[in-house]
C-alpha cells in the first residue's frame, strides 16, 4: 500500500507546505490539487524548485485532483476544458505523476441518460488521448450529488471510451452516498481498473436538506455513517495494492493544526487498514 496525503485534507495550506506535512506524518506521496499547484507556479514557484522539494522530502505526487466538470459541451466550454486537461497533463509529466483525476459535476444533470453518456464518452476519449501524449492515466470519480454517481455507470463509460489509460477511484463517501453501489460490486471489480482509493467517511443527505459536501462530509473516519471496514474489505478483495489517500473534506477539522490533520489522517488509515 502506498499512502498519500490528500490536498483536500489540508485545504488551508500551500503546495510546498503539503510536501513537508506529508513527509513529517509518514506518507509516501501527495495527492495535490491543481488549485494549490498552479497557485504556487503562478506566484514565483517553478517546477524545478518544487521537484527539489519533492526530492528533499522524498515525497511523490501520486495524483493531481482534479480536472472538474468534464461534461462541458457548450460553445467554448468544451475547448476550455480540453485546454485545462492539457495544462494539467503537462504538469503531471513534469512531476512524474502517473494519474490525474477527472469528474463531472452537475453540468449534465438536466440531460437524459443517453445524452450524458454520449457527451462523457466523447469528452473522456479526447481527454484520454491528451493524456496518452504525456504518459498520464485518468481516474474517474463518480460524484454522489450528480446523476453520474454509481460504479456501474463509471464502468460502462470506461467500456465505451475504450482507452487503456482510464480507470476509477474508489471513493467511500461518494459511492455510499450516491446510493446505487454496494461494497460487493467493488469486490468483484477488475483490479486493473482501480487507480486509487479515497478513504473517507460522512453521511447521506437528509430529507429536505440540500447537497453540501462541507456539511455531509464534515466527519473523520468513524464519525459518520459509512461502513468504512466494509469498503476496505471490498477493495482488498480485488487484490489492489496501490495508492490509498485519506480524504478529509471537513471544515471542522480544517481548523486543526495542519500537522495534526496529517497525522490524524495517517493514523486513521493505518488503524483501519491493519
Protein backbone atom coordinates (compact mmCIF):
# COMPACT_ATOMS: atom_id res chain seq x y z
CA UNK A 1 0.00 0.00 0.00
CA UNK A 2 1.24 3.47 -0.90
CA UNK A 3 -0.15 6.17 1.42
CA UNK A 4 -0.84 9.66 0.05
CA UNK A 5 -1.76 12.82 1.90
CA UNK A 6 -4.78 14.37 0.19
CA UNK A 7 -4.61 18.09 -0.57
CA UNK A 8 -8.27 18.46 0.40
CA UNK A 9 -7.46 17.37 3.96
CA UNK A 10 -5.10 20.33 4.36
CA UNK A 11 -7.20 22.76 2.35
CA UNK A 12 -5.87 25.89 4.04
CA UNK A 13 -2.22 25.33 3.17
CA UNK A 14 0.09 25.69 0.18
CA UNK A 15 1.76 23.20 -2.11
CA UNK A 16 5.25 23.47 -0.61
CA UNK A 17 3.99 23.03 2.94
CA UNK A 18 1.94 19.99 1.93
CA UNK A 19 5.09 18.15 0.88
CA UNK A 20 6.63 18.71 4.30
CA UNK A 21 3.44 17.70 6.13
CA UNK A 22 3.33 14.51 4.05
CA UNK A 23 6.94 13.68 4.95
CA UNK A 24 6.60 14.53 8.64
CA UNK A 25 3.41 12.50 9.05
CA UNK A 26 4.69 9.33 7.39
CA UNK A 27 3.11 9.48 3.94
CA UNK A 28 4.80 8.27 0.75
CA UNK A 29 3.07 10.70 -1.59
CA UNK A 30 0.86 13.74 -2.02
CA UNK A 31 -2.39 13.87 -3.98
CA UNK A 32 -2.22 17.51 -4.95
CA UNK A 33 -4.98 19.87 -6.00
CA UNK A 34 -4.33 21.84 -9.21
CA UNK A 35 -5.56 24.95 -7.37
CA UNK A 36 -2.63 24.62 -4.97
CA UNK A 37 -0.07 23.60 -7.58
CA UNK A 38 -0.92 26.34 -10.08
CA UNK A 39 -1.15 28.99 -7.36
CA UNK A 40 2.40 28.05 -6.43
CA UNK A 41 3.55 28.25 -10.07
CA UNK A 42 1.67 31.50 -10.73
CA UNK A 43 3.31 33.24 -7.79
CA UNK A 44 7.03 32.68 -8.27
CA UNK A 45 7.33 28.93 -7.84
CA UNK A 46 8.81 26.74 -10.56
CA UNK A 47 8.65 23.06 -11.42
CA UNK A 48 12.36 22.76 -10.75
CA UNK A 49 12.01 24.21 -7.24
CA UNK A 50 9.02 22.02 -6.49
CA UNK A 51 10.79 18.90 -7.72
CA UNK A 52 13.75 19.80 -5.49
CA UNK A 53 11.35 19.89 -2.54
CA UNK A 54 9.84 16.54 -3.58
CA UNK A 55 13.34 15.05 -3.61
CA UNK A 56 14.29 16.68 -0.29
CA UNK A 57 11.22 15.30 1.45
CA UNK A 58 11.17 12.02 -0.52
CA UNK A 59 7.52 12.53 -1.46
CA UNK A 60 5.99 11.58 -4.80
CA UNK A 61 2.97 13.19 -6.44
CA UNK A 62 0.57 10.28 -6.80
CA UNK A 63 -2.33 12.16 -8.41
CA UNK A 64 -3.43 15.62 -9.50
CA UNK A 65 -7.00 16.02 -8.29
CA UNK A 66 -8.87 17.08 -10.36
CA UNK A 67 -9.95 18.14 -13.81
CA UNK A 68 -13.54 19.07 -12.95
CA UNK A 69 -16.72 19.48 -14.98
CA UNK A 70 -15.58 17.10 -17.69
CA UNK A 71 -19.12 17.11 -19.08
CA UNK A 72 -18.74 20.61 -20.50
CA UNK A 73 -20.08 20.59 -24.05
CA UNK A 74 -21.47 24.05 -24.91
CA UNK A 75 -19.82 26.60 -27.19
CA UNK A 76 -16.36 27.42 -25.94
CA UNK A 77 -16.74 25.49 -22.67
CA UNK A 78 -15.56 22.18 -24.10
CA UNK A 79 -12.48 23.76 -25.69
CA UNK A 80 -11.66 25.41 -22.34
CA UNK A 81 -11.99 22.07 -20.58
CA UNK A 82 -9.58 20.43 -23.02
CA UNK A 83 -7.09 23.27 -22.54
CA UNK A 84 -7.28 22.65 -18.79
CA UNK A 85 -6.67 18.95 -19.43
CA UNK A 86 -3.59 19.79 -21.48
CA UNK A 87 -2.16 22.05 -18.78
CA UNK A 88 -2.75 19.51 -16.00
CA UNK A 89 -1.24 16.70 -18.07
CA UNK A 90 1.83 18.80 -18.83
CA UNK A 91 2.23 19.38 -15.09
CA UNK A 92 1.75 15.69 -14.35
CA UNK A 93 4.52 14.77 -16.76
CA UNK A 94 6.93 17.29 -15.21
CA UNK A 95 6.21 15.92 -11.73
CA UNK A 96 6.29 12.27 -12.84
CA UNK A 97 2.73 11.97 -11.59
CA UNK A 98 1.04 8.91 -13.12
CA UNK A 99 -2.63 9.77 -12.57
CA UNK A 100 -5.00 12.72 -12.98
CA UNK A 101 -8.48 12.59 -11.50
CA UNK A 102 -11.44 13.61 -13.66
CA UNK A 103 -15.01 14.22 -12.58
CA UNK A 104 -18.32 15.52 -13.85
CA UNK A 105 -20.31 17.77 -11.55
CA UNK A 106 -23.87 18.97 -12.19
CA UNK A 107 -23.32 20.28 -15.72
CA UNK A 108 -25.10 17.27 -17.28
CA UNK A 109 -27.88 16.64 -14.76
CA UNK A 110 -30.62 18.21 -16.89
CA UNK A 111 -29.90 15.89 -19.82
CA UNK A 112 -31.13 12.37 -20.47
CA UNK A 113 -29.01 9.38 -19.52
CA UNK A 114 -28.24 8.79 -23.19
CA UNK A 115 -27.19 12.40 -23.77
CA UNK A 116 -24.97 12.36 -20.66
CA UNK A 117 -23.33 9.14 -21.72
CA UNK A 118 -22.67 10.38 -25.26
CA UNK A 119 -21.05 13.59 -24.03
CA UNK A 120 -18.95 11.88 -21.37
CA UNK A 121 -17.70 9.22 -23.77
CA UNK A 122 -16.68 11.82 -26.35
CA UNK A 123 -15.03 14.10 -23.81
CA UNK A 124 -13.20 11.37 -21.90
CA UNK A 125 -11.86 9.89 -25.14
CA UNK A 126 -10.36 13.25 -26.04
CA UNK A 127 -9.01 13.73 -22.51
CA UNK A 128 -7.51 10.24 -22.57
CA UNK A 129 -5.83 10.95 -25.91
CA UNK A 130 -4.29 14.13 -24.49
CA UNK A 131 -3.01 12.16 -21.52
CA UNK A 132 -1.57 9.48 -23.75
CA UNK A 133 0.89 12.02 -25.17
CA UNK A 134 2.23 12.65 -21.68
CA UNK A 135 2.08 9.11 -20.29
CA UNK A 136 -0.79 10.03 -17.95
CA UNK A 137 -3.71 7.88 -16.78
CA UNK A 138 -7.08 9.14 -15.54
CA UNK A 139 -9.19 8.03 -12.61
CA UNK A 140 -12.88 8.85 -12.94
CA UNK A 141 -14.59 9.81 -9.71
CA UNK A 142 -18.36 9.31 -9.78
CA UNK A 143 -19.91 12.06 -7.66
CA UNK A 144 -22.72 11.33 -5.19
CA UNK A 145 -24.70 14.53 -5.75
CA UNK A 146 -24.84 14.20 -9.55
CA UNK A 147 -26.68 11.84 -11.86
CA UNK A 148 -23.35 10.21 -12.77
CA UNK A 149 -22.90 8.68 -9.35
CA UNK A 150 -22.62 4.89 -9.47
CA UNK A 151 -19.87 2.36 -10.03
CA UNK A 152 -21.87 0.67 -12.79
CA UNK A 153 -22.17 3.96 -14.69
CA UNK A 154 -18.45 4.55 -14.37
CA UNK A 155 -17.59 1.08 -15.61
CA UNK A 156 -19.95 1.43 -18.57
CA UNK A 157 -18.34 4.74 -19.55
CA UNK A 158 -14.88 3.12 -19.37
CA UNK A 159 -16.09 0.28 -21.60
CA UNK A 160 -17.45 2.69 -24.20
CA UNK A 161 -14.46 5.04 -24.06
CA UNK A 162 -12.21 2.07 -24.89
CA UNK A 163 -8.90 3.61 -23.83
CA UNK A 164 -6.28 1.80 -21.77
CA UNK A 165 -5.46 4.82 -19.60
CA UNK A 166 -8.89 5.31 -17.99
CA UNK A 167 -9.97 3.76 -14.71
CA UNK A 168 -11.74 4.65 -11.47
CA UNK A 169 -11.03 5.90 -7.98
CA UNK A 170 -12.95 4.12 -5.25
CA UNK A 171 -14.22 6.93 -3.01
CA UNK A 172 -16.06 5.52 0.00
CA UNK A 173 -18.28 8.56 0.65
CA UNK A 174 -19.29 9.16 -2.97
CA UNK A 175 -20.17 5.52 -3.57
CA UNK A 176 -22.02 5.20 -0.26
CA UNK A 177 -23.93 8.45 -0.59
CA UNK A 178 -24.76 8.01 -4.26
CA UNK A 179 -26.90 5.13 -3.06
CA UNK A 180 -26.55 2.87 -6.08
CA UNK A 181 -23.31 0.99 -5.34
CA UNK A 182 -22.50 -1.71 -2.80
CA UNK A 183 -19.15 -2.90 -1.46
CA UNK A 184 -19.81 -6.27 -3.14
CA UNK A 185 -19.76 -4.56 -6.53
CA UNK A 186 -16.33 -3.15 -5.75
CA UNK A 187 -15.10 -6.54 -4.53
CA UNK A 188 -15.98 -8.03 -7.92
CA UNK A 189 -14.20 -5.35 -9.97
CA UNK A 190 -11.26 -5.89 -12.28
CA UNK A 191 -8.40 -4.66 -10.10
CA UNK A 192 -6.70 -3.18 -13.15
CA UNK A 193 -9.44 -0.55 -13.32
CA UNK A 194 -8.78 0.75 -9.80
CA UNK A 195 -6.29 3.61 -9.97
CA UNK A 196 -6.75 4.97 -6.46
CA UNK A 197 -8.74 4.80 -3.21
CA UNK A 198 -10.19 7.69 -1.22
CA UNK A 199 -10.56 6.56 2.38
CA UNK A 200 -13.25 8.77 3.93
CA UNK A 201 -16.47 8.99 5.89
CA UNK A 202 -19.62 11.13 6.03
CA UNK A 203 -23.34 10.69 5.66
CA UNK A 204 -26.10 10.85 3.08
CA UNK A 205 -28.16 13.96 2.52
CA UNK A 206 -31.16 14.20 4.85
CA UNK A 207 -34.76 14.77 3.80
CA UNK A 208 -35.32 18.40 2.73
CA UNK A 209 -31.59 19.08 3.05
CA UNK A 210 -29.54 20.43 0.16
CA UNK A 211 -26.42 18.67 -1.02
CA UNK A 212 -23.42 20.38 0.52
CA UNK A 213 -20.17 18.42 0.80
CA UNK A 214 -18.96 20.78 3.52
CA UNK A 215 -21.87 19.51 5.63
CA UNK A 216 -22.33 15.88 4.63
CA UNK A 217 -18.58 15.14 4.64
CA UNK A 218 -17.65 17.03 7.81
CA UNK A 219 -16.54 13.83 9.56
CA UNK A 220 -13.40 11.89 10.35
CA UNK A 221 -13.42 8.12 9.64
CA UNK A 222 -15.55 6.53 12.33
CA UNK A 223 -17.63 9.66 12.94
CA UNK A 224 -20.03 9.24 10.00
CA UNK A 225 -22.33 6.54 8.71
CA UNK A 226 -20.13 4.99 6.02
CA UNK A 227 -19.27 1.36 6.77
CA UNK A 228 -15.56 2.03 6.31
CA UNK A 229 -14.40 -1.54 7.16
CA UNK A 230 -16.78 -2.99 4.56
CA UNK A 231 -15.42 -0.77 1.79
CA UNK A 232 -11.83 -1.52 2.82
CA UNK A 233 -12.57 -5.25 2.75
CA UNK A 234 -14.12 -4.89 -0.70
CA UNK A 235 -11.10 -3.08 -2.12
CA UNK A 236 -8.70 -5.60 -0.60
CA UNK A 237 -10.73 -8.45 -2.10
CA UNK A 238 -9.75 -7.24 -5.57
CA UNK A 239 -6.05 -7.58 -4.77
CA UNK A 240 -5.48 -3.83 -5.10
CA UNK A 241 -2.20 -2.68 -3.54
CA UNK A 242 -1.82 0.82 -4.97
CA UNK A 243 -2.38 4.32 -3.58
CA UNK A 244 -4.71 4.93 -0.63
CA UNK A 245 -5.46 8.55 0.23
CA UNK A 246 -7.38 9.65 3.34
CA UNK A 247 -9.65 12.44 2.13
CA UNK A 248 -10.98 14.65 4.91
CA UNK A 249 -13.23 17.32 3.46
CA UNK A 250 -14.10 18.71 6.87
CA UNK A 251 -14.48 22.42 7.69
CA UNK A 252 -14.43 21.49 11.39
CA UNK A 253 -11.13 19.64 11.20
CA UNK A 254 -9.61 22.06 8.68
CA UNK A 255 -9.24 24.42 11.65
CA UNK A 256 -6.91 21.96 13.41
CA UNK A 257 -3.15 22.33 13.24
CA UNK A 258 -2.07 21.19 9.78
CA UNK A 259 0.34 18.61 11.14
CA UNK A 260 -2.35 17.24 13.44
CA UNK A 261 -4.64 16.83 10.43
CA UNK A 262 -1.90 14.97 8.56
CA UNK A 263 -1.04 12.71 11.49
CA UNK A 264 -4.71 12.01 12.27
CA UNK A 265 -5.29 11.06 8.62
CA UNK A 266 -2.23 8.80 8.57
CA UNK A 267 -3.04 7.09 11.87
CA UNK A 268 -6.67 6.53 10.89
CA UNK A 269 -5.66 4.89 7.60
CA UNK A 270 -3.14 2.63 9.34
CA UNK A 271 -5.63 1.72 12.08
CA UNK A 272 -8.46 0.77 9.74
CA UNK A 273 -6.31 -0.99 7.15
CA UNK A 274 -4.16 -3.00 9.56
